[in-house]
Amino acid sequence: MPLQNKVKEYRTAAGINQQEFGRLVGVSRQTISSIECGDYHPSVLVALKIAKILKTTVEDVFEYVEDENE
């Protein structure tokens, strides 16, 4: 999976549960769970909101890793 993230690590360090975090970001708890599992890649707007709420940069939370097989 080329897009990796540290949403869960940052969110738990901030002491915010998935339900509350989803409310702050403007998405459902299920969407937060899917992002954290890597099953869903957020839009640029959602990624920016996530980084702002977590008081960090998008680059700190999300990382593009090229697949060696491509």
PDB file of N, CA and C in Angstrom:
ATOM      1  N   MET A   1       0.847  -1.180   0.000  1.00  0.00           N
ATOM      2  CA  MET A   1       0.000   0.000   0.000  1.00  0.00           C
ATOM      3  C   MET A   1       0.897   1.250   0.000  1.00  0.00           C
ATOM      4  N   PRO A   2       0.770   2.083  -1.015  1.00  0.00           N
ATOM      5  CA  PRO A   2       1.713   3.197  -1.148  1.00  0.00           C
ATOM      6  C   PRO A   2       1.510   4.343  -0.156  1.00  0.00           C
ATOM      7  N   LEU A   3       0.311   4.499   0.399  1.00  0.00           N
ATOM      8  CA  LEU A   3       0.091   5.585   1.347  1.00  0.00           C
ATOM      9  C   LEU A   3       0.021   5.017   2.752  1.00  0.00           C
ATOM     10  N   GLN A   4       1.002   5.378   3.566  1.00  0.00           N
ATOM     11  CA  GLN A   4       1.021   4.939   4.956  1.00  0.00           C
ATOM     12  C   GLN A   4       0.703   6.131   5.838  1.00  0.00           C
ATOM     13  N   ASN A   5       0.162   5.856   7.027  1.00  0.00           N
ATOM     14  CA  ASN A   5      -0.162   6.973   7.906  1.00  0.00           C
ATOM     15  C   ASN A   5       0.072   6.627   9.365  1.00  0.00           C
ATOM     16  N   LYS A   6       0.146   7.688  10.167  1.00  0.00           N
ATOM     17  CA  LYS A   6       0.332   7.574  11.612  1.00  0.00           C
ATOM     18  C   LYS A   6      -0.833   8.236  12.344  1.00  0.00           C
ATOM     19  N   VAL A   7      -2.013   8.202  11.723  1.00  0.00           N
ATOM     20  CA  VAL A   7      -3.176   8.859  12.322  1.00  0.00           C
ATOM     21  C   VAL A   7      -3.462   8.285  13.703  1.00  0.00           C
ATOM     22  N   LYS A   8      -3.482   6.976  13.820  1.00  0.00           N
ATOM     23  CA  LYS A   8      -3.806   6.351  15.107  1.00  0.00           C
ATOM     24  C   LYS A   8      -2.812   6.753  16.189  1.00  0.00           C
ATOM     25  N   GLU A   9      -1.528   6.749  15.848  1.00  0.00           N
ATOM     26  CA  GLU A   9      -0.510   7.100  16.831  1.00  0.00           C
ATOM     27  C   GLU A   9      -0.689   8.533  17.330  1.00  0.00           C
ATOM     28  N   TYR A  10      -0.886   9.459  16.397  1.00  0.00           N
ATOM     29  CA  TYR A  10      -1.074  10.860  16.775  1.00  0.00           C
ATOM     30  C   TYR A  10      -2.382  11.057  17.539  1.00  0.00           C
ATOM     31  N   ARG A  11      -3.447  10.391  17.078  1.00  0.00           N
ATOM     32  CA  ARG A  11      -4.762  10.550  17.715  1.00  0.00           C
ATOM     33  C   ARG A  11      -4.743  10.025  19.142  1.00  0.00           C
ATOM     34  N   THR A  12      -4.178   8.842  19.344  1.00  0.00           N
ATOM     35  CA  THR A  12      -4.145   8.288  20.704  1.00  0.00           C
ATOM     36  C   THR A  12      -3.229   9.104  21.616  1.00  0.00           C
ATOM     37  N   ALA A  13      -2.126   9.610  21.067  1.00  0.00           N
ATOM     38  CA  ALA A  13      -1.234  10.463  21.859  1.00  0.00           C
ATOM     39  C   ALA A  13      -1.948  11.737  22.299  1.00  0.00           C
ATOM     40  N   ALA A  14      -2.886  12.203  21.465  1.00  0.00           N
ATOM     41  CA  ALA A  14      -3.661  13.402  21.799  1.00  0.00           C
ATOM     42  C   ALA A  14      -4.819  13.080  22.745  1.00  0.00           C
ATOM     43  N   GLY A  15      -5.055  11.797  22.996  1.00  0.00           N
ATOM     44  CA  GLY A  15      -6.122  11.394  23.914  1.00  0.00           C
ATOM     45  C   GLY A  15      -7.516  11.563  23.345  1.00  0.00           C
ATOM     46  N   ILE A  16      -7.652  11.381  22.027  1.00  0.00           N
ATOM     47  CA  ILE A  16      -8.945  11.555  21.360  1.00  0.00           C
ATOM     48  C   ILE A  16      -9.400  10.196  20.830  1.00  0.00           C
ATOM     49  N   ASN A  17     -10.649   9.808  21.133  1.00  0.00           N
ATOM     50  CA  ASN A  17     -11.147   8.545  20.592  1.00  0.00           C
ATOM     51  C   ASN A  17     -11.614   8.739  19.145  1.00  0.00           C
ATOM     52  N   GLN A  18     -11.859   7.635  18.466  1.00  0.00           N
ATOM     53  CA  GLN A  18     -12.241   7.705  17.050  1.00  0.00           C
ATOM     54  C   GLN A  18     -13.532   8.480  16.831  1.00  0.00           C
ATOM     55  N   GLN A  19     -14.502   8.291  17.701  1.00  0.00           N
ATOM     56  CA  GLN A  19     -15.793   8.975  17.551  1.00  0.00           C
ATOM     57  C   GLN A  19     -15.614  10.495  17.618  1.00  0.00           C
ATOM     58  N   GLU A  20     -14.910  10.954  18.613  1.00  0.00           N
ATOM     59  CA  GLU A  20     -14.680  12.394  18.780  1.00  0.00           C
ATOM     60  C   GLU A  20     -13.816  12.939  17.650  1.00  0.00           C
ATOM     61  N   PHE A  21     -12.801  12.176  17.258  1.00  0.00           N
ATOM     62  CA  PHE A  21     -11.920  12.624  16.189  1.00  0.00           C
ATOM     63  C   PHE A  21     -12.695  12.763  14.883  1.00  0.00           C
ATOM     64  N   GLY A  22     -13.555  11.792  14.613  1.00  0.00           N
ATOM     65  CA  GLY A  22     -14.398  11.873  13.421  1.00  0.00           C
ATOM     66  C   GLY A  22     -15.264  13.124  13.438  1.00  0.00           C
ATOM     67  N   ARG A  23     -15.825  13.436  14.598  1.00  0.00           N
ATOM     68  CA  ARG A  23     -16.656  14.634  14.725  1.00  0.00           C
ATOM     69  C   ARG A  23     -15.827  15.889  14.443  1.00  0.00           C
ATOM     70  N   LEU A  24     -14.616  15.940  14.989  1.00  0.00           N
ATOM     71  CA  LEU A  24     -13.753  17.104  14.779  1.00  0.00           C
ATOM     72  C   LEU A  24     -13.349  17.257  13.306  1.00  0.00           C
ATOM     73  N   VAL A  25     -13.086  16.141  12.652  1.00  0.00           N
ATOM     74  CA  VAL A  25     -12.661  16.163  11.248  1.00  0.00           C
ATOM     75  C   VAL A  25     -13.846  16.385  10.312  1.00  0.00           C
ATOM     76  N   GLY A  26     -15.037  15.942  10.750  1.00  0.00           N
ATOM     77  CA  GLY A  26     -16.219  16.070   9.907  1.00  0.00           C
ATOM     78  C   GLY A  26     -16.525  14.816   9.104  1.00  0.00           C
ATOM     79  N   VAL A  27     -16.057  13.670   9.617  1.00  0.00           N
ATOM     80  CA  VAL A  27     -16.324  12.386   8.982  1.00  0.00           C
ATOM     81  C   VAL A  27     -16.812  11.419  10.063  1.00  0.00           C
ATOM     82  N   SER A  28     -17.220  10.227   9.646  1.00  0.00           N
ATOM     83  CA  SER A  28     -17.723   9.245  10.609  1.00  0.00           C
ATOM     84  C   SER A  28     -16.584   8.537  11.339  1.00  0.00           C
ATOM     85  N   ARG A  29     -16.927   7.878  12.432  1.00  0.00           N
ATOM     86  CA  ARG A  29     -15.959   7.068  13.166  1.00  0.00           C
ATOM     87  C   ARG A  29     -15.437   5.956  12.263  1.00  0.00           C
ATOM     88  N   GLN A  30     -16.316   5.404  11.437  1.00  0.00           N
ATOM     89  CA  GLN A  30     -15.937   4.331  10.522  1.00  0.00           C
ATOM     90  C   GLN A  30     -14.882   4.815   9.507  1.00  0.00           C
ATOM     91  N   THR A  31     -15.032   6.059   9.054  1.00  0.00           N
ATOM     92  CA  THR A  31     -14.049   6.619   8.122  1.00  0.00           C
ATOM     93  C   THR A  31     -12.695   6.753   8.797  1.00  0.00           C
ATOM     94  N   ILE A  32     -12.678   7.212  10.034  1.00  0.00           N
ATOM     95  CA  ILE A  32     -11.409   7.316  10.784  1.00  0.00           C
ATOM     96  C   ILE A  32     -10.785   5.942  10.928  1.00  0.00           C
ATOM     97  N   SER A  33     -11.580   4.953  11.266  1.00  0.00           N
ATOM     98  CA  SER A  33     -11.077   3.588  11.392  1.00  0.00           C
ATOM     99  C   SER A  33     -10.493   3.096  10.079  1.00  0.00           C
ATOM    100  N   SER A  34     -11.180   3.338   8.982  1.00  0.00           N
ATOM    101  CA  SER A  34     -10.705   2.910   7.658  1.00  0.00           C
ATOM    102  C   SER A  34      -9.406   3.611   7.269  1.00  0.00           C
ATOM    103  N   ILE A  35      -9.287   4.898   7.604  1.00  0.00           N
ATOM    104  CA  ILE A  35      -8.053   5.632   7.330  1.00  0.00           C
ATOM    105  C   ILE A  35      -6.907   5.029   8.147  1.00  0.00           C
ATOM    106  N   GLU A  36      -7.151   4.797   9.427  1.00  0.00           N
ATOM    107  CA  GLU A  36      -6.109   4.259  10.301  1.00  0.00           C
ATOM    108  C   GLU A  36      -5.646   2.877   9.856  1.00  0.00           C
ATOM    109  N   CYS A  37      -6.567   2.071   9.335  1.00  0.00           N
ATOM    110  CA  CYS A  37      -6.227   0.718   8.855  1.00  0.00           C
ATOM    111  C   CYS A  37      -5.581   0.734   7.475  1.00  0.00           C
ATOM    112  N   GLY A  38      -5.638   1.870   6.796  1.00  0.00           N
ATOM    113  CA  GLY A  38      -5.081   1.964   5.461  1.00  0.00           C
ATOM    114  C   GLY A  38      -6.018   1.491   4.375  1.00  0.00           C
ATOM    115  N   ASP A  39      -7.283   1.249   4.740  1.00  0.00           N
ATOM    116  CA  ASP A  39      -8.278   0.798   3.765  1.00  0.00           C
ATOM    117  C   ASP A  39      -8.875   1.945   2.966  1.00  0.00           C
ATOM    118  N   TYR A  40      -8.699   3.178   3.444  1.00  0.00           N
ATOM    119  CA  TYR A  40      -9.277   4.349   2.787  1.00  0.00           C
ATOM    120  C   TYR A  40      -8.251   5.469   2.806  1.00  0.00           C
ATOM    121  N   HIS A  41      -8.070   6.107   1.657  1.00  0.00           N
ATOM    122  CA  HIS A  41      -7.158   7.235   1.559  1.00  0.00           C
ATOM    123  C   HIS A  41      -7.981   8.517   1.555  1.00  0.00           C
ATOM    124  N   PRO A  42      -7.741   9.392   2.517  1.00  0.00           N
ATOM    125  CA  PRO A  42      -8.558  10.596   2.622  1.00  0.00           C
ATOM    126  C   PRO A  42      -8.276  11.594   1.504  1.00  0.00           C
ATOM    127  N   SER A  43      -9.242  12.454   1.273  1.00  0.00           N
ATOM    128  CA  SER A  43      -9.046  13.556   0.330  1.00  0.00           C
ATOM    129  C   SER A  43      -8.002  14.504   0.910  1.00  0.00           C
ATOM    130  N   VAL A  44      -7.523  15.388   0.079  1.00  0.00           N
ATOM    131  CA  VAL A  44      -6.547  16.384   0.538  1.00  0.00           C
ATOM    132  C   VAL A  44      -7.151  17.228   1.656  1.00  0.00           C
ATOM    133  N   LEU A  45      -8.405  17.624   1.506  1.00  0.00           N
ATOM    134  CA  LEU A  45      -9.062  18.445   2.522  1.00  0.00           C
ATOM    135  C   LEU A  45      -9.133  17.714   3.861  1.00  0.00           C
ATOM    136  N   VAL A  46      -9.524  16.452   3.849  1.00  0.00           N
ATOM    137  CA  VAL A  46      -9.609  15.674   5.092  1.00  0.00           C
ATOM    138  C   VAL A  46      -8.215  15.483   5.685  1.00  0.00           C
ATOM    139  N   ALA A  47      -7.222  15.210   4.856  1.00  0.00           N
ATOM    140  CA  ALA A  47      -5.847  15.052   5.351  1.00  0.00           C
ATOM    141  C   ALA A  47      -5.352  16.340   6.011  1.00  0.00           C
ATOM    142  N   LEU A  48      -5.667  17.483   5.399  1.00  0.00           N
ATOM    143  CA  LEU A  48      -5.277  18.772   5.984  1.00  0.00           C
ATOM    144  C   LEU A  48      -5.981  19.009   7.319  1.00  0.00           C
ATOM    145  N   LYS A  49      -7.269  18.669   7.400  1.00  0.00           N
ATOM    146  CA  LYS A  49      -8.011  18.819   8.663  1.00  0.00           C
ATOM    147  C   LYS A  49      -7.405  17.939   9.742  1.00  0.00           C
ATOM    148  N   ILE A  50      -7.093  16.687   9.375  1.00  0.00           N
ATOM    149  CA  ILE A  50      -6.495  15.755  10.335  1.00  0.00           C
ATOM    150  C   ILE A  50      -5.194  16.336  10.890  1.00  0.00           C
ATOM    151  N   ALA A  51      -4.329  16.789  10.009  1.00  0.00           N
ATOM    152  CA  ALA A  51      -3.044  17.351  10.452  1.00  0.00           C
ATOM    153  C   ALA A  51      -3.242  18.578  11.329  1.00  0.00           C
ATOM    154  N   LYS A  52      -4.167  19.446  10.959  1.00  0.00           N
ATOM    155  CA  LYS A  52      -4.411  20.662  11.751  1.00  0.00           C
ATOM    156  C   LYS A  52      -4.904  20.315  13.149  1.00  0.00           C
ATOM    157  N   ILE A  53      -5.859  19.389  13.238  1.00  0.00           N
ATOM    158  CA  ILE A  53      -6.401  18.993  14.540  1.00  0.00           C
ATOM    159  C   ILE A  53      -5.313  18.353  15.402  1.00  0.00           C
ATOM    160  N   LEU A  54      -4.424  17.582  14.759  1.00  0.00           N
ATOM    161  CA  LEU A  54      -3.353  16.914  15.495  1.00  0.00           C
ATOM    162  C   LEU A  54      -2.139  17.818  15.720  1.00  0.00           C
ATOM    163  N   LYS A  55      -2.239  19.065  15.233  1.00  0.00           N
ATOM    164  CA  LYS A  55      -1.184  20.076  15.418  1.00  0.00           C
ATOM    165  C   LYS A  55       0.159  19.604  14.869  1.00  0.00           C
ATOM    166  N   THR A  56       0.093  19.120  13.635  1.00  0.00           N
ATOM    167  CA  THR A  56       1.296  18.674  12.947  1.00  0.00           C
ATOM    168  C   THR A  56       1.115  18.920  11.456  1.00  0.00           C
ATOM    169  N   THR A  57       2.011  18.401  10.651  1.00  0.00           N
ATOM    170  CA  THR A  57       1.909  18.582   9.205  1.00  0.00           C
ATOM    171  C   THR A  57       1.366  17.325   8.539  1.00  0.00           C
ATOM    172  N   VAL A  58       0.847  17.495   7.344  1.00  0.00           N
ATOM    173  CA  VAL A  58       0.361  16.348   6.570  1.00  0.00           C
ATOM    174  C   VAL A  58       1.505  15.366   6.346  1.00  0.00           C
ATOM    175  N   GLU A  59       2.694  15.893   6.079  1.00  0.00           N
ATOM    176  CA  GLU A  59       3.859  15.038   5.827  1.00  0.00           C
ATOM    177  C   GLU A  59       4.244  14.205   7.049  1.00  0.00           C
ATOM    178  N   ASP A  60       3.986  14.709   8.243  1.00  0.00           N
ATOM    179  CA  ASP A  60       4.267  13.927   9.449  1.00  0.00           C
ATOM    180  C   ASP A  60       3.262  12.799   9.646  1.00  0.00           C
ATOM    181  N   VAL A  61       2.034  13.012   9.198  1.00  0.00           N
ATOM    182  CA  VAL A  61       0.966  12.025   9.400  1.00  0.00           C
ATOM    183  C   VAL A  61       0.893  11.027   8.243  1.00  0.00           C
ATOM    184  N   PHE A  62       1.060  11.500   7.018  1.00  0.00           N
ATOM    185  CA  PHE A  62       0.919  10.654   5.835  1.00  0.00           C
ATOM    186  C   PHE A  62       2.242  10.580   5.076  1.00  0.00           C
ATOM    187  N   GLU A  63       2.539   9.376   4.581  1.00  0.00           N
ATOM    188  CA  GLU A  63       3.770   9.195   3.825  1.00  0.00           C
ATOM    189  C   GLU A  63       3.497   8.305   2.622  1.00  0.00           C
ATOM    190  N   TYR A  64       3.972   8.761   1.469  1.00  0.00           N
ATOM    191  CA  TYR A  64       3.870   7.967   0.245  1.00  0.00           C
ATOM    192  C   TYR A  64       5.120   7.106   0.142  1.00  0.00           C
ATOM    193  N   VAL A  65       4.914   5.790   0.039  1.00  0.00           N
ATOM    194  CA  VAL A  65       6.020   4.851  -0.076  1.00  0.00           C
ATOM    195  C   VAL A  65       5.834   4.096  -1.389  1.00  0.00           C
ATOM    196  N   GLU A  66       6.814   4.229  -2.277  1.00  0.00           N
ATOM    197  CA  GLU A  66       6.707   3.557  -3.571  1.00  0.00           C
ATOM    198  C   GLU A  66       6.843   2.044  -3.396  1.00  0.00           C
ATOM    199  N   ASP A  67       6.024   1.334  -4.171  1.00  0.00           N
ATOM    200  CA  ASP A  67       6.071  -0.116  -4.167  1.00  0.00           C
ATOM    201  C   ASP A  67       7.263  -0.559  -5.014  1.00  0.00           C
ATOM    202  N   GLU A  68       8.127  -1.394  -4.449  1.00  0.00           N
ATOM    203  CA  GLU A  68       9.318  -1.827  -5.153  1.00  0.00           C
ATOM    204  C   GLU A  68       8.990  -2.679  -6.376  1.00  0.00           C
ATOM    205  N   ASN A  69       7.799  -3.266  -6.413  1.00  0.00           N
ATOM    206  CA  ASN A  69       7.408  -4.120  -7.531  1.00  0.00           C
ATOM    207  C   ASN A  69       6.914  -3.349  -8.736  1.00  0.00           C
ATOM    208  N   GLU A  70       6.717  -2.062  -8.606  1.00  0.00           N
ATOM    209  CA  GLU A  70       6.188  -1.251  -9.720  1.00  0.00           C
ATOM    210  C   GLU A  70       7.292  -0.691 -10.556  1.00  0.00           C
TER     211      GLU A  70
END
